[in-house]
Amino acid sequence: MKILVTGSAGFIGAALSQRLLERGDQVIGYDNLNDYYDVTLKMARLARLQAQAGFTEVRANLEDRAALNETFSQHRPQRVVNLAAQAGVRYSIQNPHAYIESNLVGFINVLEACRHHAVEHLVYASSSSVYGANTRQPFSVHDNVDHPVSLYAATKKANELMAHSYSHLYDLPTTGLRFFTVYGPWGRPDMALFLFTRNILAGQPIDVFNYGRHRRDFTYIDDIVEGVIRVLDQVAMPHSSWSGDAPDSATSHAPYRLYNIGNHRPVELLRYIEVLEQCLDRVAIKNLLPMQPGDVPDTYADIAALERDVGYRPATPVEEGIARFVAWYREYYRV
């Protein structure tokens, strides 16, 4: 297939594009290479894709409606995976306007382009952050998520609502994926594993929020990519038994679906750090701090719908995933 991947120089986007190219798909990679974090890392990811047949690069913003429409008109993608977004919970408190421009304006441009160019299936990134103030666990896609605790989470919830409206109005098949704390080789430098590894190797303290007591459903990048591909290949369909009398938020009378992609095995942050210390053969200097605004104590994904509909269950334990990350980090940074 010919597949447009937005955010193709990003962590998940580059890994997904790599796998799609390996199986023989054509990939149009759309990215603006912004400087939210180290651009040289983004360029290195991109270079691996540019070396392969079947990859076409487009460097532009999602907010640039003309550039996006030109990309759709020229390349005619059959399916689209929208991973481009302004990420980060804490940064959304510092720079809220960046999230409105990228995550809302950018996303409506994607929806409009998909609508007008007869795209077969739009898969887009949501986030476990949408569960916000929810405390019942594991988090289920069938639960109400109307209480976000960060603007980032609010924009991701808005994306789900926007997608549903286009599925309803224009019969555009859309599937939203709520990612749970993705980590692994080629990861984002603003994420905990990257920050911890850099500081531990440099002999510097690491900031451990909530005193290390919160739990995260850490999900390895290969598991994420496998889930995305399986969902992409199964076009969203209307749910035949959906009823407005008892509406299910994860399905619809329209061609619309929501899924969690998580490891389904939450790990306490202190245990995560312990595994990293073992892989690095170093002991971290821990700066224990209270929980930050916008954070949630725990995340835990109910992945029953993903297992049922696409037959896949993420399975990489953190011991294996962290070891792979450390091996990559040492090689890439020569440390």
C-alpha atoms as a PDB file:
ATOM      1  CA  MET A   1       0.000   0.000   0.000  1.00  0.00           C
ATOM      2  CA  LYS A   2       0.902   3.661  -0.200  1.00  0.00           C
ATOM      3  CA  ILE A   3       0.774   5.000   3.361  1.00  0.00           C
ATOM      4  CA  LEU A   4       1.243   8.554   4.631  1.00  0.00           C
ATOM      5  CA  VAL A   5       2.906   8.662   8.062  1.00  0.00           C
ATOM      6  CA  THR A   6       2.939  12.041   9.779  1.00  0.00           C
ATOM      7  CA  GLY A   7       5.637  12.521  12.401  1.00  0.00           C
ATOM      8  CA  SER A   8       7.904  10.176  10.421  1.00  0.00           C
ATOM      9  CA  ALA A   9      11.079  11.550  12.039  1.00  0.00           C
ATOM     10  CA  GLY A  10       9.611  11.002  15.497  1.00  0.00           C
ATOM     11  CA  PHE A  11      10.137   8.017  17.771  1.00  0.00           C
ATOM     12  CA  ILE A  12       7.060   5.958  16.880  1.00  0.00           C
ATOM     13  CA  GLY A  13       6.738   7.365  13.357  1.00  0.00           C
ATOM     14  CA  ALA A  14      10.255   6.369  12.323  1.00  0.00           C
ATOM     15  CA  ALA A  15       9.927   2.873  13.796  1.00  0.00           C
ATOM     16  CA  LEU A  16       6.560   2.370  12.092  1.00  0.00           C
ATOM     17  CA  SER A  17       7.835   3.675   8.752  1.00  0.00           C
ATOM     18  CA  GLN A  18      10.796   1.289   8.960  1.00  0.00           C
ATOM     19  CA  ARG A  19       8.517  -1.719   9.452  1.00  0.00           C
ATOM     20  CA  LEU A  20       6.135  -0.667   6.680  1.00  0.00           C
ATOM     21  CA  LEU A  21       9.031  -0.295   4.234  1.00  0.00           C
ATOM     22  CA  GLU A  22      10.409  -3.684   5.246  1.00  0.00           C
ATOM     23  CA  ARG A  23       7.131  -5.369   4.348  1.00  0.00           C
ATOM     24  CA  GLY A  24       7.006  -3.645   0.954  1.00  0.00           C
ATOM     25  CA  ASP A  25       4.710  -0.668   1.468  1.00  0.00           C
ATOM     26  CA  GLN A  26       5.452   2.769   0.037  1.00  0.00           C
ATOM     27  CA  VAL A  27       5.750   5.400   2.782  1.00  0.00           C
ATOM     28  CA  ILE A  28       5.293   9.143   2.434  1.00  0.00           C
ATOM     29  CA  GLY A  29       6.940  10.559   5.549  1.00  0.00           C
ATOM     30  CA  TYR A  30       5.595  13.956   6.631  1.00  0.00           C
ATOM     31  CA  ASP A  31       7.472  15.846   9.367  1.00  0.00           C
ATOM     32  CA  ASN A  32       8.543  19.405  10.172  1.00  0.00           C
ATOM     33  CA  LEU A  33      11.627  18.405  12.220  1.00  0.00           C
ATOM     34  CA  ASN A  34      10.843  20.962  14.933  1.00  0.00           C
ATOM     35  CA  ASP A  35      13.272  21.593  17.765  1.00  0.00           C
ATOM     36  CA  TYR A  36      11.130  20.389  20.688  1.00  0.00           C
ATOM     37  CA  TYR A  37      14.029  17.999  21.246  1.00  0.00           C
ATOM     38  CA  ASP A  38      17.376  17.176  19.593  1.00  0.00           C
ATOM     39  CA  VAL A  39      16.961  17.610  15.831  1.00  0.00           C
ATOM     40  CA  THR A  40      20.121  15.600  15.129  1.00  0.00           C
ATOM     41  CA  LEU A  41      18.420  12.513  16.572  1.00  0.00           C
ATOM     42  CA  LYS A  42      15.424  13.106  14.312  1.00  0.00           C
ATOM     43  CA  MET A  43      17.764  13.487  11.347  1.00  0.00           C
ATOM     44  CA  ALA A  44      19.493  10.217  12.226  1.00  0.00           C
ATOM     45  CA  ARG A  45      16.162   8.397  12.330  1.00  0.00           C
ATOM     46  CA  LEU A  46      15.207   9.975   9.015  1.00  0.00           C
ATOM     47  CA  ALA A  47      18.508   9.020   7.399  1.00  0.00           C
ATOM     48  CA  ARG A  48      17.771   5.334   8.019  1.00  0.00           C
ATOM     49  CA  LEU A  49      14.475   5.721   6.170  1.00  0.00           C
ATOM     50  CA  GLN A  50      15.908   7.777   3.312  1.00  0.00           C
ATOM     51  CA  ALA A  51      18.353   4.975   2.560  1.00  0.00           C
ATOM     52  CA  GLN A  52      15.501   2.653   1.602  1.00  0.00           C
ATOM     53  CA  ALA A  53      13.530   2.314  -1.600  1.00  0.00           C
ATOM     54  CA  GLY A  54       9.901   3.264  -1.261  1.00  0.00           C
ATOM     55  CA  PHE A  55      10.364   6.194   1.123  1.00  0.00           C
ATOM     56  CA  THR A  56       9.428   9.743   0.127  1.00  0.00           C
ATOM     57  CA  GLU A  57      10.109  12.656   2.471  1.00  0.00           C
ATOM     58  CA  VAL A  58       7.899  15.727   2.822  1.00  0.00           C
ATOM     59  CA  ARG A  59       9.118  18.382   5.226  1.00  0.00           C
ATOM     60  CA  ALA A  60       6.235  20.618   6.311  1.00  0.00           C
ATOM     61  CA  ASN A  61       3.892  21.480   9.184  1.00  0.00           C
ATOM     62  CA  LEU A  62       0.474  19.916   9.630  1.00  0.00           C
ATOM     63  CA  GLU A  63      -0.785  23.432  10.297  1.00  0.00           C
ATOM     64  CA  ASP A  64       0.206  24.333   6.720  1.00  0.00           C
ATOM     65  CA  ARG A  65      -3.039  23.344   5.036  1.00  0.00           C
ATOM     66  CA  ALA A  66      -1.794  24.075   1.514  1.00  0.00           C
ATOM     67  CA  ALA A  67       1.323  21.917   1.938  1.00  0.00           C
ATOM     68  CA  LEU A  68      -0.693  19.049   3.396  1.00  0.00           C
ATOM     69  CA  ASN A  69      -3.289  19.175   0.626  1.00  0.00           C
ATOM     70  CA  GLU A  70      -0.542  19.270  -1.993  1.00  0.00           C
ATOM     71  CA  THR A  71       1.003  16.170  -0.423  1.00  0.00           C
ATOM     72  CA  PHE A  72      -2.301  14.297  -0.598  1.00  0.00           C
ATOM     73  CA  SER A  73      -2.963  15.458  -4.160  1.00  0.00           C
ATOM     74  CA  GLN A  74       0.498  14.500  -5.391  1.00  0.00           C
ATOM     75  CA  HIS A  75       0.982  11.162  -3.613  1.00  0.00           C
ATOM     76  CA  ARG A  76      -2.602   9.878  -3.187  1.00  0.00           C
ATOM     77  CA  PRO A  77      -2.052   7.795  -0.042  1.00  0.00           C
ATOM     78  CA  GLN A  78      -4.479   4.932   0.474  1.00  0.00           C
ATOM     79  CA  ARG A  79      -4.127   4.985   4.254  1.00  0.00           C
ATOM     80  CA  VAL A  80      -2.839   7.501   6.782  1.00  0.00           C
ATOM     81  CA  VAL A  81      -1.219   7.172  10.201  1.00  0.00           C
ATOM     82  CA  ASN A  82      -1.202  10.494  12.040  1.00  0.00           C
ATOM     83  CA  LEU A  83       1.520  10.475  14.706  1.00  0.00           C
ATOM     84  CA  ALA A  84       2.638  14.096  14.394  1.00  0.00           C
ATOM     85  CA  ALA A  85       1.707  16.074  17.494  1.00  0.00           C
ATOM     86  CA  GLN A  86       3.104  18.299  20.181  1.00  0.00           C
ATOM     87  CA  ALA A  87       3.899  15.764  22.888  1.00  0.00           C
ATOM     88  CA  GLY A  88       4.585  16.031  26.605  1.00  0.00           C
ATOM     89  CA  VAL A  89       2.324  16.618  29.586  1.00  0.00           C
ATOM     90  CA  ARG A  90       4.578  19.038  31.472  1.00  0.00           C
ATOM     91  CA  TYR A  91       5.444  21.124  28.409  1.00  0.00           C
ATOM     92  CA  SER A  92       1.716  21.699  27.795  1.00  0.00           C
ATOM     93  CA  ILE A  93       1.664  23.742  31.000  1.00  0.00           C
ATOM     94  CA  GLN A  94       4.536  25.918  29.772  1.00  0.00           C
ATOM     95  CA  ASN A  95       3.479  26.364  26.151  1.00  0.00           C
ATOM     96  CA  PRO A  96      -0.235  25.607  25.692  1.00  0.00           C
ATOM     97  CA  HIS A  97      -0.554  27.358  22.336  1.00  0.00           C
ATOM     98  CA  ALA A  98       1.801  24.848  20.698  1.00  0.00           C
ATOM     99  CA  TYR A  99      -0.699  22.092  21.518  1.00  0.00           C
ATOM    100  CA  ILE A 100      -3.659  23.938  20.032  1.00  0.00           C
ATOM    101  CA  GLU A 101      -1.797  24.649  16.812  1.00  0.00           C
ATOM    102  CA  SER A 102      -0.312  21.197  16.274  1.00  0.00           C
ATOM    103  CA  ASN A 103      -2.799  18.851  17.913  1.00  0.00           C
ATOM    104  CA  LEU A 104      -6.058  20.610  17.010  1.00  0.00           C
ATOM    105  CA  VAL A 105      -5.427  22.765  13.933  1.00  0.00           C
ATOM    106  CA  GLY A 106      -3.055  20.170  12.499  1.00  0.00           C
ATOM    107  CA  PHE A 107      -5.504  17.355  13.124  1.00  0.00           C
ATOM    108  CA  ILE A 108      -8.480  19.068  11.478  1.00  0.00           C
ATOM    109  CA  ASN A 109      -6.268  19.579   8.413  1.00  0.00           C
ATOM    110  CA  VAL A 110      -5.512  15.854   8.385  1.00  0.00           C
ATOM    111  CA  LEU A 111      -9.198  14.965   8.703  1.00  0.00           C
ATOM    112  CA  GLU A 112     -10.171  17.308   5.882  1.00  0.00           C
ATOM    113  CA  ALA A 113      -7.426  15.984   3.620  1.00  0.00           C
ATOM    114  CA  CYS A 114      -8.478  12.385   4.302  1.00  0.00           C
ATOM    115  CA  ARG A 115     -12.091  13.269   3.616  1.00  0.00           C
ATOM    116  CA  HIS A 116     -11.426  14.995   0.295  1.00  0.00           C
ATOM    117  CA  HIS A 117      -8.953  12.407  -0.988  1.00  0.00           C
ATOM    118  CA  ALA A 118     -10.985   9.274  -0.231  1.00  0.00           C
ATOM    119  CA  VAL A 119      -8.524   7.771   2.250  1.00  0.00           C
ATOM    120  CA  GLU A 120      -9.437   4.174   3.113  1.00  0.00           C
ATOM    121  CA  HIS A 121      -8.473   4.345   6.798  1.00  0.00           C
ATOM    122  CA  LEU A 122      -7.077   6.988   9.164  1.00  0.00           C
ATOM    123  CA  VAL A 123      -5.239   5.699  12.230  1.00  0.00           C
ATOM    124  CA  TYR A 124      -4.199   8.393  14.701  1.00  0.00           C
ATOM    125  CA  ALA A 125      -2.322   8.685  17.975  1.00  0.00           C
ATOM    126  CA  SER A 126      -4.278   9.314  21.124  1.00  0.00           C
ATOM    127  CA  SER A 127      -2.768   8.814  24.582  1.00  0.00           C
ATOM    128  CA  SER A 128      -3.254   7.108  27.930  1.00  0.00           C
ATOM    129  CA  SER A 129      -3.270  10.664  29.302  1.00  0.00           C
ATOM    130  CA  VAL A 130      -6.949  10.948  28.310  1.00  0.00           C
ATOM    131  CA  TYR A 131      -7.859   8.838  31.366  1.00  0.00           C
ATOM    132  CA  GLY A 132      -6.907  11.829  33.520  1.00  0.00           C
ATOM    133  CA  ALA A 133      -8.630  11.735  36.900  1.00  0.00           C
ATOM    134  CA  ASN A 134      -9.939   8.169  36.382  1.00  0.00           C
ATOM    135  CA  THR A 135      -8.859   5.825  39.180  1.00  0.00           C
ATOM    136  CA  ARG A 136     -10.582   2.546  38.288  1.00  0.00           C
ATOM    137  CA  GLN A 137      -8.015   0.232  36.738  1.00  0.00           C
ATOM    138  CA  PRO A 138      -7.148  -1.204  34.352  1.00  0.00           C
ATOM    139  CA  PHE A 139      -8.168   1.713  32.134  1.00  0.00           C
ATOM    140  CA  SER A 140     -10.746   0.603  29.587  1.00  0.00           C
ATOM    141  CA  VAL A 141     -11.635   2.213  26.272  1.00  0.00           C
ATOM    142  CA  HIS A 142     -15.257   1.777  27.345  1.00  0.00           C
ATOM    143  CA  ASP A 143     -14.796   4.102  30.349  1.00  0.00           C
ATOM    144  CA  ASN A 144     -15.778   7.766  30.443  1.00  0.00           C
ATOM    145  CA  VAL A 145     -12.750  10.038  29.944  1.00  0.00           C
ATOM    146  CA  ASP A 146     -14.215  13.494  30.488  1.00  0.00           C
ATOM    147  CA  HIS A 147     -11.815  14.640  33.210  1.00  0.00           C
ATOM    148  CA  PRO A 148      -8.384  15.375  31.692  1.00  0.00           C
ATOM    149  CA  VAL A 149      -5.734  16.773  34.045  1.00  0.00           C
ATOM    150  CA  SER A 150      -3.529  18.408  31.394  1.00  0.00           C
ATOM    151  CA  LEU A 151      -4.102  20.372  28.206  1.00  0.00           C
ATOM    152  CA  TYR A 152      -2.152  17.721  26.309  1.00  0.00           C
ATOM    153  CA  ALA A 153      -4.696  15.126  27.436  1.00  0.00           C
ATOM    154  CA  ALA A 154      -7.563  17.453  26.505  1.00  0.00           C
ATOM    155  CA  THR A 155      -6.231  17.825  22.943  1.00  0.00           C
ATOM    156  CA  LYS A 156      -5.991  14.058  22.575  1.00  0.00           C
ATOM    157  CA  LYS A 157      -9.552  13.592  23.808  1.00  0.00           C
ATOM    158  CA  ALA A 158     -10.587  16.307  21.361  1.00  0.00           C
ATOM    159  CA  ASN A 159      -8.901  14.383  18.532  1.00  0.00           C
ATOM    160  CA  GLU A 160     -11.043  11.351  19.340  1.00  0.00           C
ATOM    161  CA  LEU A 161     -14.207  13.452  19.225  1.00  0.00           C
ATOM    162  CA  MET A 162     -13.171  15.183  16.006  1.00  0.00           C
ATOM    163  CA  ALA A 163     -12.424  11.834  14.375  1.00  0.00           C
ATOM    164  CA  HIS A 164     -15.830  10.488  15.369  1.00  0.00           C
ATOM    165  CA  SER A 165     -17.599  13.431  13.815  1.00  0.00           C
ATOM    166  CA  TYR A 166     -15.833  12.783  10.490  1.00  0.00           C
ATOM    167  CA  SER A 167     -16.566   9.071  10.679  1.00  0.00           C
ATOM    168  CA  HIS A 168     -20.228   9.925  11.261  1.00  0.00           C
ATOM    169  CA  LEU A 169     -20.592  12.732   8.730  1.00  0.00           C
ATOM    170  CA  TYR A 170     -18.430  11.443   5.896  1.00  0.00           C
ATOM    171  CA  ASP A 171     -18.158   7.693   6.501  1.00  0.00           C
ATOM    172  CA  LEU A 172     -14.389   8.096   6.980  1.00  0.00           C
ATOM    173  CA  PRO A 173     -13.006   5.020   8.809  1.00  0.00           C
ATOM    174  CA  THR A 174     -10.942   6.213  11.778  1.00  0.00           C
ATOM    175  CA  THR A 175      -9.161   4.362  14.580  1.00  0.00           C
ATOM    176  CA  GLY A 176      -7.618   6.059  17.605  1.00  0.00           C
ATOM    177  CA  LEU A 177      -4.798   4.414  19.556  1.00  0.00           C
ATOM    178  CA  ARG A 178      -4.200   5.285  23.194  1.00  0.00           C
ATOM    179  CA  PHE A 179      -0.483   4.683  23.661  1.00  0.00           C
ATOM    180  CA  PHE A 180       0.848   3.841  27.126  1.00  0.00           C
ATOM    181  CA  THR A 181       4.373   5.171  27.977  1.00  0.00           C
ATOM    182  CA  VAL A 182       6.326   4.045  24.929  1.00  0.00           C
ATOM    183  CA  TYR A 183      10.068   3.391  25.336  1.00  0.00           C
ATOM    184  CA  GLY A 184      12.941   1.713  23.506  1.00  0.00           C
ATOM    185  CA  PRO A 185      15.835   2.353  21.079  1.00  0.00           C
ATOM    186  CA  TRP A 186      15.714   5.647  19.183  1.00  0.00           C
ATOM    187  CA  GLY A 187      13.384   7.009  21.872  1.00  0.00           C
ATOM    188  CA  ARG A 188      12.560  10.585  22.842  1.00  0.00           C
ATOM    189  CA  PRO A 189      15.197  12.456  24.897  1.00  0.00           C
ATOM    190  CA  ASP A 190      12.509  14.124  27.032  1.00  0.00           C
ATOM    191  CA  MET A 191      11.235  10.772  28.319  1.00  0.00           C
ATOM    192  CA  ALA A 192      12.269   9.332  31.681  1.00  0.00           C
ATOM    193  CA  LEU A 193      14.364   6.405  30.418  1.00  0.00           C
ATOM    194  CA  PHE A 194      16.479   8.663  28.205  1.00  0.00           C
ATOM    195  CA  LEU A 195      16.946  11.292  30.912  1.00  0.00           C
ATOM    196  CA  PHE A 196      17.780   8.698  33.563  1.00  0.00           C
ATOM    197  CA  THR A 197      20.327   6.921  31.362  1.00  0.00           C
ATOM    198  CA  ARG A 198      22.126  10.119  30.418  1.00  0.00           C
ATOM    199  CA  ASN A 199      22.375  11.374  33.990  1.00  0.00           C
ATOM    200  CA  ILE A 200      23.359   8.045  35.543  1.00  0.00           C
ATOM    201  CA  LEU A 201      26.187   7.607  33.051  1.00  0.00           C
ATOM    202  CA  ALA A 202      27.319  11.199  33.743  1.00  0.00           C
ATOM    203  CA  GLY A 203      27.212  10.636  37.518  1.00  0.00           C
ATOM    204  CA  GLN A 204      24.473  13.253  37.895  1.00  0.00           C
ATOM    205  CA  PRO A 205      21.270  12.984  39.981  1.00  0.00           C
ATOM    206  CA  ILE A 206      17.989  11.930  38.409  1.00  0.00           C
ATOM    207  CA  ASP A 207      14.678  13.604  39.264  1.00  0.00           C
ATOM    208  CA  VAL A 208      12.263  10.941  40.520  1.00  0.00           C
ATOM    209  CA  PHE A 209       8.751  12.349  40.735  1.00  0.00           C
ATOM    210  CA  ASN A 210       6.102  11.097  43.172  1.00  0.00           C
ATOM    211  CA  TYR A 211       9.059   9.662  45.107  1.00  0.00           C
ATOM    212  CA  GLY A 212       9.172   6.826  42.571  1.00  0.00           C
ATOM    213  CA  ARG A 213       5.920   5.326  43.806  1.00  0.00           C
ATOM    214  CA  HIS A 214       3.776   5.770  40.711  1.00  0.00           C
ATOM    215  CA  ARG A 215       3.319   2.931  38.237  1.00  0.00           C
ATOM    216  CA  ARG A 216       3.399   3.082  34.461  1.00  0.00           C
ATOM    217  CA  ASP A 217       2.343   0.583  31.826  1.00  0.00           C
ATOM    218  CA  PHE A 218       5.699   0.874  30.022  1.00  0.00           C
ATOM    219  CA  THR A 219       5.259  -0.410  26.452  1.00  0.00           C
ATOM    220  CA  TYR A 220       8.178  -1.379  24.211  1.00  0.00           C
ATOM    221  CA  ILE A 221       8.385   0.273  20.793  1.00  0.00           C
ATOM    222  CA  ASP A 222       8.275  -2.985  18.784  1.00  0.00           C
ATOM    223  CA  ASP A 223       5.042  -3.951  20.534  1.00  0.00           C
ATOM    224  CA  ILE A 224       3.562  -0.558  19.730  1.00  0.00           C
ATOM    225  CA  VAL A 225       4.495  -0.797  16.045  1.00  0.00           C
ATOM    226  CA  GLU A 226       3.087  -4.305  15.699  1.00  0.00           C
ATOM    227  CA  GLY A 227      -0.188  -3.116  17.189  1.00  0.00           C
ATOM    228  CA  VAL A 228      -0.362  -0.076  14.905  1.00  0.00           C
ATOM    229  CA  ILE A 229       0.211  -2.175  11.798  1.00  0.00           C
ATOM    230  CA  ARG A 230      -2.425  -4.733  12.738  1.00  0.00           C
ATOM    231  CA  VAL A 231      -4.946  -1.973  13.381  1.00  0.00           C
ATOM    232  CA  LEU A 232      -4.010  -0.149  10.167  1.00  0.00           C
ATOM    233  CA  ASP A 233      -4.622  -3.308   8.156  1.00  0.00           C
ATOM    234  CA  GLN A 234      -8.096  -3.808   9.663  1.00  0.00           C
ATOM    235  CA  VAL A 235     -10.245  -0.924   8.471  1.00  0.00           C
ATOM    236  CA  ALA A 236     -12.658   0.395  11.101  1.00  0.00           C
ATOM    237  CA  MET A 237     -16.254  -0.689  10.563  1.00  0.00           C
ATOM    238  CA  PRO A 238     -19.563   0.336  12.144  1.00  0.00           C
ATOM    239  CA  HIS A 239     -20.518  -1.684  15.221  1.00  0.00           C
ATOM    240  CA  SER A 240     -23.731  -3.481  14.329  1.00  0.00           C
ATOM    241  CA  SER A 241     -25.135  -3.575  17.872  1.00  0.00           C
ATOM    242  CA  TRP A 242     -24.164  -0.033  18.904  1.00  0.00           C
ATOM    243  CA  SER A 243     -27.044   1.816  20.539  1.00  0.00           C
ATOM    244  CA  GLY A 244     -27.550   5.441  21.453  1.00  0.00           C
ATOM    245  CA  ASP A 245     -29.582   4.289  24.460  1.00  0.00           C
ATOM    246  CA  ALA A 246     -26.417   2.866  26.022  1.00  0.00           C
ATOM    247  CA  PRO A 247     -23.588   4.386  23.958  1.00  0.00           C
ATOM    248  CA  ASP A 248     -20.190   2.689  24.002  1.00  0.00           C
ATOM    249  CA  SER A 249     -17.434   5.296  23.684  1.00  0.00           C
ATOM    250  CA  ALA A 250     -14.979   2.899  21.989  1.00  0.00           C
ATOM    251  CA  THR A 251     -17.225   1.984  19.038  1.00  0.00           C
ATOM    252  CA  SER A 252     -20.024   3.597  17.058  1.00  0.00           C
ATOM    253  CA  HIS A 253     -22.739   3.287  14.469  1.00  0.00           C
ATOM    254  CA  ALA A 254     -20.082   4.985  12.311  1.00  0.00           C
ATOM    255  CA  PRO A 255     -16.790   3.369  11.146  1.00  0.00           C
ATOM    256  CA  TYR A 256     -14.923   4.337  14.314  1.00  0.00           C
ATOM    257  CA  ARG A 257     -12.765   2.474  16.843  1.00  0.00           C
ATOM    258  CA  LEU A 258     -10.605   3.189  19.889  1.00  0.00           C
ATOM    259  CA  TYR A 259      -7.945   0.875  21.334  1.00  0.00           C
ATOM    260  CA  ASN A 260      -5.457   0.879  24.185  1.00  0.00           C
ATOM    261  CA  ILE A 261      -1.942  -0.278  23.359  1.00  0.00           C
ATOM    262  CA  GLY A 262      -0.147  -0.984  26.624  1.00  0.00           C
ATOM    263  CA  ASN A 263       1.958  -3.752  28.102  1.00  0.00           C
ATOM    264  CA  HIS A 264      -0.867  -4.696  30.510  1.00  0.00           C
ATOM    265  CA  ARG A 265       1.775  -5.052  33.244  1.00  0.00           C
ATOM    266  CA  PRO A 266       2.316  -1.807  35.202  1.00  0.00           C
ATOM    267  CA  VAL A 267       5.755  -1.368  36.768  1.00  0.00           C
ATOM    268  CA  GLU A 268       6.590   0.911  39.693  1.00  0.00           C
ATOM    269  CA  LEU A 269       9.025   3.654  38.716  1.00  0.00           C
ATOM    270  CA  LEU A 270      11.542   2.604  41.387  1.00  0.00           C
ATOM    271  CA  ARG A 271      11.593  -0.911  39.893  1.00  0.00           C
ATOM    272  CA  TYR A 272      12.069   0.577  36.418  1.00  0.00           C
ATOM    273  CA  ILE A 273      15.069   2.522  37.714  1.00  0.00           C
ATOM    274  CA  GLU A 274      16.428  -0.590  39.440  1.00  0.00           C
ATOM    275  CA  VAL A 275      16.394  -2.511  36.145  1.00  0.00           C
ATOM    276  CA  LEU A 276      18.154   0.402  34.429  1.00  0.00           C
ATOM    277  CA  GLU A 277      20.820   0.470  37.162  1.00  0.00           C
ATOM    278  CA  GLN A 278      21.436  -3.237  36.600  1.00  0.00           C
ATOM    279  CA  CYS A 279      21.771  -2.776  32.836  1.00  0.00           C
ATOM    280  CA  LEU A 280      24.165   0.158  33.271  1.00  0.00           C
ATOM    281  CA  ASP A 281      25.993  -1.424  36.224  1.00  0.00           C
ATOM    282  CA  ARG A 282      25.694   1.928  37.978  1.00  0.00           C
ATOM    283  CA  VAL A 283      23.729   3.177  40.987  1.00  0.00           C
ATOM    284  CA  ALA A 284      21.542   6.238  40.409  1.00  0.00           C
ATOM    285  CA  ILE A 285      21.691   9.309  42.630  1.00  0.00           C
ATOM    286  CA  LYS A 286      17.970   9.862  43.183  1.00  0.00           C
ATOM    287  CA  ASN A 287      16.449  13.287  43.742  1.00  0.00           C
ATOM    288  CA  LEU A 288      13.053  12.301  45.167  1.00  0.00           C
ATOM    289  CA  LEU A 289      10.339  14.841  44.365  1.00  0.00           C
ATOM    290  CA  PRO A 290       6.543  15.159  44.697  1.00  0.00           C
ATOM    291  CA  MET A 291       4.227  14.436  41.770  1.00  0.00           C
ATOM    292  CA  GLN A 292       4.203  17.144  39.110  1.00  0.00           C
ATOM    293  CA  PRO A 293       1.095  19.047  37.950  1.00  0.00           C
ATOM    294  CA  GLY A 294      -0.658  17.226  35.119  1.00  0.00           C
ATOM    295  CA  ASP A 295       0.758  13.804  36.053  1.00  0.00           C
ATOM    296  CA  VAL A 296      -1.348  10.833  37.165  1.00  0.00           C
ATOM    297  CA  PRO A 297      -0.317   8.281  39.834  1.00  0.00           C
ATOM    298  CA  ASP A 298      -0.726   5.105  37.759  1.00  0.00           C
ATOM    299  CA  THR A 299      -1.512   3.848  34.271  1.00  0.00           C
ATOM    300  CA  TYR A 300      -2.674   0.338  33.425  1.00  0.00           C
ATOM    301  CA  ALA A 301      -4.126  -0.627  30.048  1.00  0.00           C
ATOM    302  CA  ASP A 302      -7.045  -2.950  29.481  1.00  0.00           C
ATOM    303  CA  ILE A 303      -6.133  -4.392  26.066  1.00  0.00           C
ATOM    304  CA  ALA A 304      -8.992  -6.861  25.703  1.00  0.00           C
ATOM    305  CA  ALA A 305     -10.427  -5.052  22.655  1.00  0.00           C
ATOM    306  CA  LEU A 306      -7.038  -5.043  20.897  1.00  0.00           C
ATOM    307  CA  GLU A 307      -6.585  -8.766  21.556  1.00  0.00           C
ATOM    308  CA  ARG A 308     -10.098  -9.589  20.396  1.00  0.00           C
ATOM    309  CA  ASP A 309     -10.141  -7.521  17.217  1.00  0.00           C
ATOM    310  CA  VAL A 310      -6.591  -7.836  15.868  1.00  0.00           C
ATOM    311  CA  GLY A 311      -5.275 -10.834  17.790  1.00  0.00           C
ATOM    312  CA  TYR A 312      -2.321  -9.102  19.382  1.00  0.00           C
ATOM    313  CA  ARG A 313      -1.015  -8.632  22.895  1.00  0.00           C
ATOM    314  CA  PRO A 314       2.135  -6.614  23.689  1.00  0.00           C
ATOM    315  CA  ALA A 315       4.569  -8.895  25.500  1.00  0.00           C
ATOM    316  CA  THR A 316       8.061  -7.389  25.955  1.00  0.00           C
ATOM    317  CA  PRO A 317       9.021  -7.237  29.676  1.00  0.00           C
ATOM    318  CA  VAL A 318      10.826  -4.125  30.906  1.00  0.00           C
ATOM    319  CA  GLU A 319      13.928  -6.159  31.717  1.00  0.00           C
ATOM    320  CA  GLU A 320      14.307  -7.014  28.032  1.00  0.00           C
ATOM    321  CA  GLY A 321      13.197  -3.643  26.692  1.00  0.00           C
ATOM    322  CA  ILE A 322      15.498  -1.585  28.910  1.00  0.00           C
ATOM    323  CA  ALA A 323      18.468  -3.817  28.076  1.00  0.00           C
ATOM    324  CA  ARG A 324      17.856  -3.218  24.362  1.00  0.00           C
ATOM    325  CA  PHE A 325      17.575   0.525  24.935  1.00  0.00           C
ATOM    326  CA  VAL A 326      20.828   0.661  26.894  1.00  0.00           C
ATOM    327  CA  ALA A 327      22.658  -1.298  24.180  1.00  0.00           C
ATOM    328  CA  TRP A 328      21.371   1.137  21.551  1.00  0.00           C
ATOM    329  CA  TYR A 329      22.183   4.203  23.687  1.00  0.00           C
ATOM    330  CA  ARG A 330      25.778   3.102  24.304  1.00  0.00           C
ATOM    331  CA  GLU A 331      26.332   2.439  20.624  1.00  0.00           C
ATOM    332  CA  TYR A 332      24.645   5.604  19.351  1.00  0.00           C
ATOM    333  CA  TYR A 333      26.335   7.968  21.836  1.00  0.00           C
ATOM    334  CA  ARG A 334      29.548   5.934  22.076  1.00  0.00           C
ATOM    335  CA  VAL A 335      29.504   5.770  25.891  1.00  0.00           C
END
